[in-house]
PDB file of N, CA and C in Angstrom:
ATOM      1  N   MET A   1     106.952  96.086 142.430  1.00  0.00           N
ATOM      2  CA  MET A   1     105.772  96.328 143.179  1.00  0.00           C
ATOM      3  C   MET A   1     104.632  94.979 143.060  1.00  0.00           C
ATOM      4  N   LYS A   2     104.125  94.266 144.085  1.00  0.00           N
ATOM      5  CA  LYS A   2     103.522  93.051 143.838  1.00  0.00           C
ATOM      6  C   LYS A   2     102.353  93.380 143.985  1.00  0.00           C
ATOM      7  N   ARG A   3     101.249  92.793 143.414  1.00  0.00           N
ATOM      8  CA  ARG A   3      99.994  92.667 143.895  1.00  0.00           C
ATOM      9  C   ARG A   3      99.629  91.512 144.909  1.00  0.00           C
ATOM     10  N   ASN A   4      98.691  91.816 145.637  1.00  0.00           N
ATOM     11  CA  ASN A   4      98.173  90.899 146.753  1.00  0.00           C
ATOM     12  C   ASN A   4      97.179  89.902 145.853  1.00  0.00           C
ATOM     13  N   PRO A   5      97.637  88.433 145.535  1.00  0.00           N
ATOM     14  CA  PRO A   5      96.808  87.338 144.918  1.00  0.00           C
ATOM     15  C   PRO A   5      95.291  87.057 145.373  1.00  0.00           C
ATOM     16  N   LEU A   6      95.187  87.704 146.596  1.00  0.00           N
ATOM     17  CA  LEU A   6      94.046  87.023 147.300  1.00  0.00           C
ATOM     18  C   LEU A   6      93.233  88.208 147.209  1.00  0.00           C
ATOM     19  N   ILE A   7      93.432  89.281 146.600  1.00  0.00           N
ATOM     20  CA  ILE A   7      92.209  90.468 146.710  1.00  0.00           C
ATOM     21  C   ILE A   7      91.046  89.877 145.630  1.00  0.00           C
ATOM     22  N   PRO A   8      91.503  89.513 144.571  1.00  0.00           N
ATOM     23  CA  PRO A   8      90.135  89.186 143.570  1.00  0.00           C
ATOM     24  C   PRO A   8      89.474  87.859 144.255  1.00  0.00           C
ATOM     25  N   PHE A   9      89.921  86.952 144.955  1.00  0.00           N
ATOM     26  CA  PHE A   9      89.168  86.087 145.667  1.00  0.00           C
ATOM     27  C   PHE A   9      88.221  86.538 146.944  1.00  0.00           C
ATOM     28  N   ALA A  10      88.935  87.717 147.671  1.00  0.00           N
ATOM     29  CA  ALA A  10      88.201  88.081 148.466  1.00  0.00           C
ATOM     30  C   ALA A  10      86.984  89.140 147.847  1.00  0.00           C
ATOM     31  N   LEU A  11      87.150  89.777 146.995  1.00  0.00           N
ATOM     32  CA  LEU A  11      86.019  90.378 146.153  1.00  0.00           C
ATOM     33  C   LEU A  11      85.035  89.759 145.499  1.00  0.00           C
ATOM     34  N   ILE A  12      85.607  88.542 145.016  1.00  0.00           N
ATOM     35  CA  ILE A  12      84.506  87.578 144.998  1.00  0.00           C
ATOM     36  C   ILE A  12      83.603  86.990 145.892  1.00  0.00           C
ATOM     37  N   ALA A  13      83.955  86.665 147.072  1.00  0.00           N
ATOM     38  CA  ALA A  13      83.454  86.087 147.841  1.00  0.00           C
ATOM     39  C   ALA A  13      82.487  86.822 148.510  1.00  0.00           C
ATOM     40  N   VAL A  14      82.866  88.299 148.595  1.00  0.00           N
ATOM     41  CA  VAL A  14      82.228  89.509 149.313  1.00  0.00           C
ATOM     42  C   VAL A  14      80.877  89.731 148.268  1.00  0.00           C
ATOM     43  N   LEU A  15      81.089  89.587 146.833  1.00  0.00           N
ATOM     44  CA  LEU A  15      80.092  89.690 145.979  1.00  0.00           C
ATOM     45  C   LEU A  15      79.336  88.842 146.050  1.00  0.00           C
ATOM     46  N   GLY A  16      79.583  87.421 146.218  1.00  0.00           N
ATOM     47  CA  GLY A  16      78.649  86.284 146.313  1.00  0.00           C
ATOM     48  C   GLY A  16      77.676  86.375 147.675  1.00  0.00           C
ATOM     49  N   ILE A  17      78.674  86.749 148.658  1.00  0.00           N
ATOM     50  CA  ILE A  17      77.793  86.732 149.884  1.00  0.00           C
ATOM     51  C   ILE A  17      76.829  87.872 150.109  1.00  0.00           C
ATOM     52  N   GLY A  18      77.001  89.152 149.175  1.00  0.00           N
ATOM     53  CA  GLY A  18      75.832  90.115 149.138  1.00  0.00           C
ATOM     54  C   GLY A  18      74.719  89.552 148.378  1.00  0.00           C
ATOM     55  N   LEU A  19      74.973  88.783 147.125  1.00  0.00           N
ATOM     56  CA  LEU A  19      74.059  88.272 146.374  1.00  0.00           C
ATOM     57  C   LEU A  19      73.210  87.209 147.242  1.00  0.00           C
ATOM     58  N   MET A  20      73.594  86.678 148.012  1.00  0.00           N
ATOM     59  CA  MET A  20      73.045  85.518 148.948  1.00  0.00           C
ATOM     60  C   MET A  20      71.907  86.184 149.690  1.00  0.00           C
ATOM     61  N   PHE A  21      72.210  87.504 150.404  1.00  0.00           N
ATOM     62  CA  PHE A  21      71.565  87.953 151.282  1.00  0.00           C
ATOM     63  C   PHE A  21      70.566  88.908 150.402  1.00  0.00           C
ATOM     64  N   LEU A  22      70.857  89.301 149.066  1.00  0.00           N
ATOM     65  CA  LEU A  22      69.885  89.896 148.398  1.00  0.00           C
ATOM     66  C   LEU A  22      68.668  88.719 148.117  1.00  0.00           C
ATOM     67  N   PHE A  23      68.904  88.023 147.747  1.00  0.00           N
ATOM     68  CA  PHE A  23      68.156  86.851 147.267  1.00  0.00           C
ATOM     69  C   PHE A  23      67.353  86.136 148.393  1.00  0.00           C
ATOM     70  N   SER A  24      67.844  86.172 149.757  1.00  0.00           N
ATOM     71  CA  SER A  24      67.338  85.669 150.700  1.00  0.00           C
ATOM     72  C   SER A  24      66.121  86.636 151.217  1.00  0.00           C
ATOM     73  N   PHE A  25      66.297  88.161 151.210  1.00  0.00           N
ATOM     74  CA  PHE A  25      65.549  88.859 151.557  1.00  0.00           C
ATOM     75  C   PHE A  25      64.075  89.091 150.509  1.00  0.00           C
ATOM     76  N   GLN A  26      64.625  88.822 149.047  1.00  0.00           N
ATOM     77  CA  GLN A  26      63.627  88.803 148.332  1.00  0.00           C
ATOM     78  C   GLN A  26      63.036  87.406 148.447  1.00  0.00           C
ATOM     79  N   GLY A  27      63.364  86.580 148.624  1.00  0.00           N
ATOM     80  CA  GLY A  27      62.598  85.085 149.053  1.00  0.00           C
ATOM     81  C   GLY A  27      61.433  85.435 150.200  1.00  0.00           C
ATOM     82  N   LEU A  28      61.713  86.226 151.275  1.00  0.00           N
ATOM     83  CA  LEU A  28      61.326  86.351 152.533  1.00  0.00           C
ATOM     84  C   LEU A  28      59.937  87.171 152.241  1.00  0.00           C
ATOM     85  N   ASN A  29      59.906  88.018 151.312  1.00  0.00           N
ATOM     86  CA  ASN A  29      58.791  88.729 150.968  1.00  0.00           C
ATOM     87  C   ASN A  29      57.823  87.839 150.054  1.00  0.00           C
ATOM     88  N   LYS A  30      58.331  86.684 149.166  1.00  0.00           N
ATOM     89  CA  LYS A  30      57.442  85.994 148.542  1.00  0.00           C
ATOM     90  C   LYS A  30      57.128  84.684 148.981  1.00  0.00           C
ATOM     91  N   GLY A  31      57.512  84.883 150.409  1.00  0.00           N
ATOM     92  CA  GLY A  31      57.321  83.144 151.395  1.00  0.00           C
ATOM     93  C   GLY A  31      55.630  82.760 151.545  1.00  0.00           C
ATOM     94  N   LYS A  32      55.045  83.952 151.616  1.00  0.00           N
ATOM     95  CA  LYS A  32      53.492  83.453 151.890  1.00  0.00           C
ATOM     96  C   LYS A  32      52.982  82.909 150.358  1.00  0.00           C
ATOM     97  N   GLU A  33      53.507  83.762 149.316  1.00  0.00           N
ATOM     98  CA  GLU A  33      52.949  83.381 148.087  1.00  0.00           C
ATOM     99  C   GLU A  33      53.425  82.111 147.326  1.00  0.00           C
ATOM    100  N   LEU A  34      54.536  81.678 147.747  1.00  0.00           N
ATOM    101  CA  LEU A  34      55.078  80.246 147.636  1.00  0.00           C
ATOM    102  C   LEU A  34      54.545  79.403 148.436  1.00  0.00           C
ATOM    103  N   ALA A  35      54.465  79.675 149.576  1.00  0.00           N
ATOM    104  CA  ALA A  35      53.438  78.698 150.620  1.00  0.00           C
ATOM    105  C   ALA A  35      52.119  78.163 149.895  1.00  0.00           C
ATOM    106  N   GLU A  36      51.523  79.367 149.592  1.00  0.00           N
ATOM    107  CA  GLU A  36      50.194  79.452 149.175  1.00  0.00           C
ATOM    108  C   GLU A  36      50.253  78.045 147.831  1.00  0.00           C
ATOM    109  N   ALA A  37      50.970  78.704 146.712  1.00  0.00           N
ATOM    110  CA  ALA A  37      51.280  77.884 145.448  1.00  0.00           C
ATOM    111  C   ALA A  37      51.663  76.518 145.668  1.00  0.00           C
ATOM    112  N   GLN A  38      52.336  76.416 146.973  1.00  0.00           N
ATOM    113  CA  GLN A  38      52.627  74.779 147.224  1.00  0.00           C
ATOM    114  C   GLN A  38      51.451  74.156 147.461  1.00  0.00           C
ATOM    115  N   LYS A  39      50.710  74.832 148.440  1.00  0.00           N
ATOM    116  CA  LYS A  39      49.577  74.400 149.272  1.00  0.00           C
ATOM    117  C   LYS A  39      48.524  73.718 147.859  1.00  0.00           C
ATOM    118  N   ASN A  40      48.407  74.815 147.088  1.00  0.00           N
ATOM    119  CA  ASN A  40      47.400  74.434 146.032  1.00  0.00           C
ATOM    120  C   ASN A  40      47.754  73.948 144.959  1.00  0.00           C
ATOM    121  N   GLY A  41      49.098  73.500 144.420  1.00  0.00           N
ATOM    122  CA  GLY A  41      49.601  72.853 143.284  1.00  0.00           C
ATOM    123  C   GLY A  41      49.565  74.045 142.562  1.00  0.00           C
ATOM    124  N   GLY A  42      49.702  75.264 142.640  1.00  0.00           N
ATOM    125  CA  GLY A  42      49.775  76.117 141.618  1.00  0.00           C
ATOM    126  C   GLY A  42      48.827  77.425 141.999  1.00  0.00           C
ATOM    127  N   THR A  43      49.563  78.466 141.536  1.00  0.00           N
ATOM    128  CA  THR A  43      48.658  79.994 142.030  1.00  0.00           C
ATOM    129  C   THR A  43      47.449  79.882 141.298  1.00  0.00           C
ATOM    130  N   ALA A  44      46.280  80.233 141.873  1.00  0.00           N
ATOM    131  CA  ALA A  44      44.846  80.318 141.464  1.00  0.00           C
ATOM    132  C   ALA A  44      45.026  80.886 139.923  1.00  0.00           C
ATOM    133  N   LYS A  45      45.705  82.059 139.529  1.00  0.00           N
ATOM    134  CA  LYS A  45      45.517  82.475 138.357  1.00  0.00           C
ATOM    135  C   LYS A  45      45.760  81.560 137.343  1.00  0.00           C
ATOM    136  N   GLN A  46      47.054  80.660 137.814  1.00  0.00           N
ATOM    137  CA  GLN A  46      47.527  79.443 136.534  1.00  0.00           C
ATOM    138  C   GLN A  46      46.359  78.465 136.427  1.00  0.00           C
ATOM    139  N   THR A  47      45.782  78.030 137.477  1.00  0.00           N
ATOM    140  CA  THR A  47      44.694  76.864 137.753  1.00  0.00           C
ATOM    141  C   THR A  47      43.455  77.378 136.684  1.00  0.00           C
ATOM    142  N   ALA A  48      43.405  78.905 136.887  1.00  0.00           N
ATOM    143  CA  ALA A  48      41.687  79.247 136.345  1.00  0.00           C
ATOM    144  C   ALA A  48      42.167  79.527 134.990  1.00  0.00           C
ATOM    145  N   ASN A  49      43.263  79.709 134.622  1.00  0.00           N
ATOM    146  CA  ASN A  49      43.626  80.370 133.144  1.00  0.00           C
ATOM    147  C   ASN A  49      44.204  79.299 132.325  1.00  0.00           C
ATOM    148  N   ALA A  50      44.573  78.042 132.898  1.00  0.00           N
ATOM    149  CA  ALA A  50      45.249  77.168 132.255  1.00  0.00           C
ATOM    150  C   ALA A  50      44.628  76.437 131.197  1.00  0.00           C
ATOM    151  N   LYS A  51      44.894  76.253 129.868  1.00  0.00           N
ATOM    152  CA  LYS A  51      44.455  75.415 129.257  1.00  0.00           C
ATOM    153  C   LYS A  51      45.037  73.904 129.257  1.00  0.00           C
ATOM    154  N   PRO A  52      43.699  73.144 128.986  1.00  0.00           N
ATOM    155  CA  PRO A  52      44.083  71.571 128.989  1.00  0.00           C
ATOM    156  C   PRO A  52      45.537  71.396 128.535  1.00  0.00           C
ATOM    157  N   GLU A  53      45.455  71.733 127.168  1.00  0.00           N
ATOM    158  CA  GLU A  53      46.936  71.261 126.729  1.00  0.00           C
ATOM    159  C   GLU A  53      48.125  71.179 127.471  1.00  0.00           C
ATOM    160  N   ASP A  54      48.337  72.851 127.990  1.00  0.00           N
ATOM    161  CA  ASP A  54      49.277  72.955 128.794  1.00  0.00           C
ATOM    162  C   ASP A  54      49.293  71.886 130.122  1.00  0.00           C
ATOM    163  N   ILE A  55      48.277  72.038 130.714  1.00  0.00           N
ATOM    164  CA  ILE A  55      48.024  71.091 131.705  1.00  0.00           C
ATOM    165  C   ILE A  55      48.503  69.643 131.576  1.00  0.00           C
ATOM    166  N   VAL A  56      48.185  68.802 130.353  1.00  0.00           N
ATOM    167  CA  VAL A  56      48.723  67.620 130.026  1.00  0.00           C
ATOM    168  C   VAL A  56      50.110  67.363 129.884  1.00  0.00           C
ATOM    169  N   LYS A  57      50.606  69.018 128.714  1.00  0.00           N
ATOM    170  CA  LYS A  57      52.221  68.751 128.655  1.00  0.00           C
ATOM    171  C   LYS A  57      52.890  69.108 129.978  1.00  0.00           C
ATOM    172  N   GLN A  58      52.463  69.648 130.981  1.00  0.00           N
ATOM    173  CA  GLN A  58      53.380  69.900 132.041  1.00  0.00           C
ATOM    174  C   GLN A  58      53.016  68.464 133.094  1.00  0.00           C
ATOM    175  N   ASN A  59      51.892  67.731 133.011  1.00  0.00           N
ATOM    176  CA  ASN A  59      51.766  66.715 134.163  1.00  0.00           C
ATOM    177  C   ASN A  59      51.684  65.397 133.467  1.00  0.00           C
ATOM    178  N   CYS A  60      51.224  65.229 132.203  1.00  0.00           N
ATOM    179  CA  CYS A  60      51.058  63.818 131.536  1.00  0.00           C
ATOM    180  C   CYS A  60      51.751  63.004 130.671  1.00  0.00           C
ATOM    181  N   THR A  61      52.817  64.071 130.111  1.00  0.00           N
ATOM    182  CA  THR A  61      53.765  63.711 129.062  1.00  0.00           C
ATOM    183  C   THR A  61      54.943  62.859 129.232  1.00  0.00           C
ATOM    184  N   SER A  62      55.471  62.990 130.581  1.00  0.00           N
ATOM    185  CA  SER A  62      56.264  62.042 131.074  1.00  0.00           C
ATOM    186  C   SER A  62      55.889  60.637 131.038  1.00  0.00           C
ATOM    187  N   CYS A  63      54.799  60.379 131.385  1.00  0.00           N
ATOM    188  CA  CYS A  63      54.332  59.110 131.124  1.00  0.00           C
ATOM    189  C   CYS A  63      53.521  58.753 129.766  1.00  0.00           C
ATOM    190  N   HIS A  64      52.826  59.344 128.970  1.00  0.00           N
ATOM    191  CA  HIS A  64      52.129  59.147 128.193  1.00  0.00           C
ATOM    192  C   HIS A  64      52.595  59.675 126.715  1.00  0.00           C
ATOM    193  N   GLY A  65      53.782  60.165 126.650  1.00  0.00           N
ATOM    194  CA  GLY A  65      54.468  60.740 125.470  1.00  0.00           C
ATOM    195  C   GLY A  65      54.134  62.224 125.406  1.00  0.00           C
ATOM    196  N   ASP A  66      54.743  62.622 124.416  1.00  0.00           N
ATOM    197  CA  ASP A  66      54.802  64.261 123.883  1.00  0.00           C
ATOM    198  C   ASP A  66      53.342  64.307 123.285  1.00  0.00           C
ATOM    199  N   GLN A  67      52.933  63.191 122.398  1.00  0.00           N
ATOM    200  CA  GLN A  67      51.918  63.536 121.589  1.00  0.00           C
ATOM    201  C   GLN A  67      51.149  62.203 122.017  1.00  0.00           C
ATOM    202  N   LEU A  68      51.047  62.065 123.382  1.00  0.00           N
ATOM    203  CA  LEU A  68      49.976  61.275 124.076  1.00  0.00           C
ATOM    204  C   LEU A  68      50.086  59.928 123.289  1.00  0.00           C
ATOM    205  N   GLN A  69      51.391  59.238 122.744  1.00  0.00           N
ATOM    206  CA  GLN A  69      51.323  58.119 121.802  1.00  0.00           C
ATOM    207  C   GLN A  69      51.641  56.819 122.810  1.00  0.00           C
ATOM    208  N   GLY A  70      51.745  57.147 124.226  1.00  0.00           N
ATOM    209  CA  GLY A  70      52.182  56.225 125.015  1.00  0.00           C
ATOM    210  C   GLY A  70      53.471  55.813 125.294  1.00  0.00           C
ATOM    211  N   ALA A  71      54.074  55.540 126.565  1.00  0.00           N
ATOM    212  CA  ALA A  71      55.267  55.428 126.848  1.00  0.00           C
ATOM    213  C   ALA A  71      55.161  54.681 127.930  1.00  0.00           C
ATOM    214  N   VAL A  72      55.365  54.779 129.265  1.00  0.00           N
ATOM    215  CA  VAL A  72      55.248  54.313 130.451  1.00  0.00           C
ATOM    216  C   VAL A  72      53.826  54.031 130.527  1.00  0.00           C
ATOM    217  N   GLY A  73      53.059  55.119 130.327  1.00  0.00           N
ATOM    218  CA  GLY A  73      51.333  54.950 130.574  1.00  0.00           C
ATOM    219  C   GLY A  73      50.991  54.843 129.058  1.00  0.00           C
ATOM    220  N   PRO A  74      49.599  54.290 129.051  1.00  0.00           N
ATOM    221  CA  PRO A  74      48.924  53.916 127.679  1.00  0.00           C
ATOM    222  C   PRO A  74      49.027  54.768 126.879  1.00  0.00           C
ATOM    223  N   ASN A  75      48.566  54.793 125.375  1.00  0.00           N
ATOM    224  CA  ASN A  75      48.406  55.703 124.460  1.00  0.00           C
ATOM    225  C   ASN A  75      46.778  56.483 124.509  1.00  0.00           C
ATOM    226  N   LEU A  76      46.925  57.695 124.694  1.00  0.00           N
ATOM    227  CA  LEU A  76      45.725  58.348 124.975  1.00  0.00           C
ATOM    228  C   LEU A  76      45.138  59.390 123.485  1.00  0.00           C
ATOM    229  N   GLN A  77      45.683  58.892 122.661  1.00  0.00           N
ATOM    230  CA  GLN A  77      45.212  59.874 121.437  1.00  0.00           C
ATOM    231  C   GLN A  77      44.038  59.741 120.805  1.00  0.00           C
ATOM    232  N   LYS A  78      43.326  58.535 121.323  1.00  0.00           N
ATOM    233  CA  LYS A  78      41.848  57.925 120.953  1.00  0.00           C
ATOM    234  C   LYS A  78      41.162  57.195 122.083  1.00  0.00           C
ATOM    235  N   VAL A  79      41.589  58.013 123.398  1.00  0.00           N
ATOM    236  CA  VAL A  79      40.840  57.691 124.911  1.00  0.00           C
ATOM    237  C   VAL A  79      39.385  57.791 124.642  1.00  0.00           C
ATOM    238  N   GLY A  80      39.133  58.890 124.169  1.00  0.00           N
ATOM    239  CA  GLY A  80      37.445  59.496 124.084  1.00  0.00           C
ATOM    240  C   GLY A  80      36.788  58.449 123.456  1.00  0.00           C
ATOM    241  N   ALA A  81      37.162  57.488 122.569  1.00  0.00           N
ATOM    242  CA  ALA A  81      36.198  56.625 121.686  1.00  0.00           C
ATOM    243  C   ALA A  81      36.118  55.240 122.766  1.00  0.00           C
ATOM    244  N   LYS A  82      37.051  55.539 123.834  1.00  0.00           N
ATOM    245  CA  LYS A  82      37.110  53.928 124.759  1.00  0.00           C
ATOM    246  C   LYS A  82      36.166  54.390 126.148  1.00  0.00           C
ATOM    247  N   LEU A  83      36.702  55.400 126.628  1.00  0.00           N
ATOM    248  CA  LEU A  83      36.210  56.196 128.036  1.00  0.00           C
ATOM    249  C   LEU A  83      35.118  57.507 127.431  1.00  0.00           C
ATOM    250  N   SER A  84      34.408  57.743 128.627  1.00  0.00           N
ATOM    251  CA  SER A  84      33.442  58.638 128.517  1.00  0.00           C
ATOM    252  C   SER A  84      34.477  60.014 129.452  1.00  0.00           C
ATOM    253  N   LYS A  85      33.582  60.894 129.561  1.00  0.00           N
ATOM    254  CA  LYS A  85      34.450  62.185 129.961  1.00  0.00           C
ATOM    255  C   LYS A  85      34.489  61.540 131.826  1.00  0.00           C
ATOM    256  N   ASP A  86      33.451  61.154 132.176  1.00  0.00           N
ATOM    257  CA  ASP A  86      33.144  61.123 133.447  1.00  0.00           C
ATOM    258  C   ASP A  86      34.175  59.830 133.863  1.00  0.00           C
ATOM    259  N   ASP A  87      34.439  58.845 132.861  1.00  0.00           N
ATOM    260  CA  ASP A  87      35.373  57.855 133.642  1.00  0.00           C
ATOM    261  C   ASP A  87      36.752  58.257 133.091  1.00  0.00           C
ATOM    262  N   ILE A  88      36.966  59.061 132.338  1.00  0.00           N
ATOM    263  CA  ILE A  88      38.321  59.347 132.214  1.00  0.00           C
ATOM    264  C   ILE A  88      38.975  60.676 133.368  1.00  0.00           C
ATOM    265  N   GLN A  89      37.761  61.417 133.942  1.00  0.00           N
ATOM    266  CA  GLN A  89      37.949  62.218 135.193  1.00  0.00           C
ATOM    267  C   GLN A  89      38.163  61.411 136.521  1.00  0.00           C
ATOM    268  N   ASN A  90      37.449  59.878 136.287  1.00  0.00           N
ATOM    269  CA  ASN A  90      37.721  59.236 137.320  1.00  0.00           C
ATOM    270  C   ASN A  90      38.874  58.695 137.610  1.00  0.00           C
ATOM    271  N   VAL A  91      39.369  58.235 136.315  1.00  0.00           N
ATOM    272  CA  VAL A  91      40.969  57.797 136.587  1.00  0.00           C
ATOM    273  C   VAL A  91      41.861  58.573 136.701  1.00  0.00           C
ATOM    274  N   ILE A  92      41.933  60.001 136.421  1.00  0.00           N
ATOM    275  CA  ILE A  92      42.667  60.994 136.736  1.00  0.00           C
ATOM    276  C   ILE A  92      42.694  61.337 138.465  1.00  0.00           C
ATOM    277  N   LEU A  93      41.286  61.461 138.824  1.00  0.00           N
ATOM    278  CA  LEU A  93      41.398  61.471 140.194  1.00  0.00           C
ATOM    279  C   LEU A  93      41.463  60.591 141.103  1.00  0.00           C
ATOM    280  N   LYS A  94      41.192  59.255 140.770  1.00  0.00           N
ATOM    281  CA  LYS A  94      41.245  58.048 141.969  1.00  0.00           C
ATOM    282  C   LYS A  94      42.389  57.213 141.239  1.00  0.00           C
ATOM    283  N   GLY A  95      43.056  57.416 139.959  1.00  0.00           N
ATOM    284  CA  GLY A  95      44.086  56.427 139.691  1.00  0.00           C
ATOM    285  C   GLY A  95      43.384  55.170 138.748  1.00  0.00           C
ATOM    286  N   ARG A  96      44.341  54.347 138.251  1.00  0.00           N
ATOM    287  CA  ARG A  96      43.778  53.062 137.775  1.00  0.00           C
ATOM    288  C   ARG A  96      44.994  52.403 137.393  1.00  0.00           C
ATOM    289  N   GLY A  97      45.019  50.964 137.426  1.00  0.00           N
ATOM    290  CA  GLY A  97      46.536  50.294 137.485  1.00  0.00           C
ATOM    291  C   GLY A  97      47.662  51.146 137.746  1.00  0.00           C
ATOM    292  N   ASN A  98      48.671  51.461 136.819  1.00  0.00           N
ATOM    293  CA  ASN A  98      49.961  51.916 137.436  1.00  0.00           C
ATOM    294  C   ASN A  98      49.840  53.772 137.458  1.00  0.00           C
ATOM    295  N   MET A  99      48.776  54.305 136.871  1.00  0.00           N
ATOM    296  CA  MET A  99      48.426  55.356 137.374  1.00  0.00           C
ATOM    297  C   MET A  99      48.142  55.666 138.937  1.00  0.00           C
ATOM    298  N   PRO A 100      48.766  56.570 139.329  1.00  0.00           N
ATOM    299  CA  PRO A 100      48.733  57.150 140.633  1.00  0.00           C
ATOM    300  C   PRO A 100      47.391  58.257 140.994  1.00  0.00           C
ATOM    301  N   ALA A 101      46.765  58.366 142.090  1.00  0.00           N
ATOM    302  CA  ALA A 101      45.574  59.022 141.956  1.00  0.00           C
ATOM    303  C   ALA A 101      46.260  60.407 142.374  1.00  0.00           C
ATOM    304  N   GLY A 102      45.294  61.419 142.288  1.00  0.00           N
ATOM    305  CA  GLY A 102      45.845  62.753 142.743  1.00  0.00           C
ATOM    306  C   GLY A 102      46.575  63.646 141.989  1.00  0.00           C
ATOM    307  N   LEU A 103      46.868  63.044 140.672  1.00  0.00           N
ATOM    308  CA  LEU A 103      48.074  63.995 140.290  1.00  0.00           C
ATOM    309  C   LEU A 103      47.544  65.285 140.126  1.00  0.00           C
ATOM    310  N   LEU A 104      46.506  65.645 139.559  1.00  0.00           N
ATOM    311  CA  LEU A 104      45.559  67.155 139.465  1.00  0.00           C
ATOM    312  C   LEU A 104      44.818  67.290 140.354  1.00  0.00           C
ATOM    313  N   PRO A 105      44.339  68.591 140.775  1.00  0.00           N
ATOM    314  CA  PRO A 105      43.263  69.242 141.451  1.00  0.00           C
ATOM    315  C   PRO A 105      42.221  68.620 140.500  1.00  0.00           C
ATOM    316  N   ALA A 106      41.022  68.900 141.331  1.00  0.00           N
ATOM    317  CA  ALA A 106      39.586  68.478 140.580  1.00  0.00           C
ATOM    318  C   ALA A 106      39.259  69.452 139.446  1.00  0.00           C
ATOM    319  N   ASP A 107      39.711  70.504 139.390  1.00  0.00           N
ATOM    320  CA  ASP A 107      38.994  71.541 138.657  1.00  0.00           C
ATOM    321  C   ASP A 107      40.006  71.155 137.128  1.00  0.00           C
ATOM    322  N   GLN A 108      41.538  70.905 137.384  1.00  0.00           N
ATOM    323  CA  GLN A 108      42.340  70.846 136.079  1.00  0.00           C
ATOM    324  C   GLN A 108      41.984  69.404 135.625  1.00  0.00           C
ATOM    325  N   ALA A 109      41.403  68.405 136.708  1.00  0.00           N
ATOM    326  CA  ALA A 109      41.121  67.093 136.112  1.00  0.00           C
ATOM    327  C   ALA A 109      39.755  67.202 135.199  1.00  0.00           C
ATOM    328  N   THR A 110      38.939  68.213 135.637  1.00  0.00           N
ATOM    329  CA  THR A 110      37.848  68.017 134.843  1.00  0.00           C
ATOM    330  C   THR A 110      37.907  68.768 133.309  1.00  0.00           C
ATOM    331  N   LYS A 111      38.934  69.605 133.320  1.00  0.00           N
ATOM    332  CA  LYS A 111      39.145  70.565 132.204  1.00  0.00           C
ATOM    333  C   LYS A 111      39.982  69.246 131.087  1.00  0.00           C
ATOM    334  N   VAL A 112      41.071  68.603 131.689  1.00  0.00           N
ATOM    335  CA  VAL A 112      41.707  67.654 131.000  1.00  0.00           C
ATOM    336  C   VAL A 112      40.699  66.388 130.646  1.00  0.00           C
ATOM    337  N   ALA A 113      39.953  66.089 131.052  1.00  0.00           N
ATOM    338  CA  ALA A 113      38.786  64.711 131.178  1.00  0.00           C
ATOM    339  C   ALA A 113      37.951  65.465 129.808  1.00  0.00           C
ATOM    340  N   ASP A 114      37.876  66.576 130.134  1.00  0.00           N
ATOM    341  CA  ASP A 114      36.885  67.004 128.944  1.00  0.00           C
ATOM    342  C   ASP A 114      37.867  67.261 127.645  1.00  0.00           C
ATOM    343  N   TRP A 115      38.865  67.646 127.579  1.00  0.00           N
ATOM    344  CA  TRP A 115      39.448  67.598 126.152  1.00  0.00           C
ATOM    345  C   TRP A 115      39.949  66.176 125.762  1.00  0.00           C
ATOM    346  N   LEU A 116      39.960  65.443 126.837  1.00  0.00           N
ATOM    347  CA  LEU A 116      40.621  63.966 126.287  1.00  0.00           C
ATOM    348  C   LEU A 116      39.456  63.368 125.549  1.00  0.00           C
ATOM    349  N   SER A 117      38.270  63.782 126.012  1.00  0.00           N
ATOM    350  CA  SER A 117      37.047  62.911 125.968  1.00  0.00           C
ATOM    351  C   SER A 117      36.642  63.017 124.270  1.00  0.00           C
ATOM    352  N   LYS A 118      37.117  64.314 123.827  1.00  0.00           N
ATOM    353  CA  LYS A 118      36.797  64.669 122.317  1.00  0.00           C
ATOM    354  C   LYS A 118      37.820  63.942 121.643  1.00  0.00           C
ATOM    355  N   LYS A 119      39.038  63.465 122.061  1.00  0.00           N
ATOM    356  CA  LYS A 119      39.986  62.796 120.913  1.00  0.00           C
ATOM    357  C   LYS A 119      39.523  61.208 120.747  1.00  0.00           C
ATOM    358  N   LYS A 120      38.895  61.116 119.592  1.00  0.00           N
ATOM    359  CA  LYS A 120      38.431  59.837 118.943  1.00  0.00           C
ATOM    360  C   LYS A 120      38.833  59.331 117.861  1.00  0.00           C
TER     361      LYS A 120
END
């Protein structure tokens, strides 16, 4: 008795196609939620409950370093001694030098500016 060598490949293909359909239908149900999240830069729950440290960790450490020690961007460990809260918020929202404008929504920029202004 010889076994057909194509049967395992056919079963894997059928399983893969079935999983594709399953995930596609699951994604259709979340389409509106994902579109809203992309439009707002995150869900409302995440924005309202986000801690400034988490916002900085998610958005700023790639340029300013994991300890805000500076990398591509400047050192922010004692930025509160140099700039006021309003100045920091203005830089976050409007950009300055190599820092692009609009990386954070206004509510997150306010939280981050308040947190950074206390670093002296």
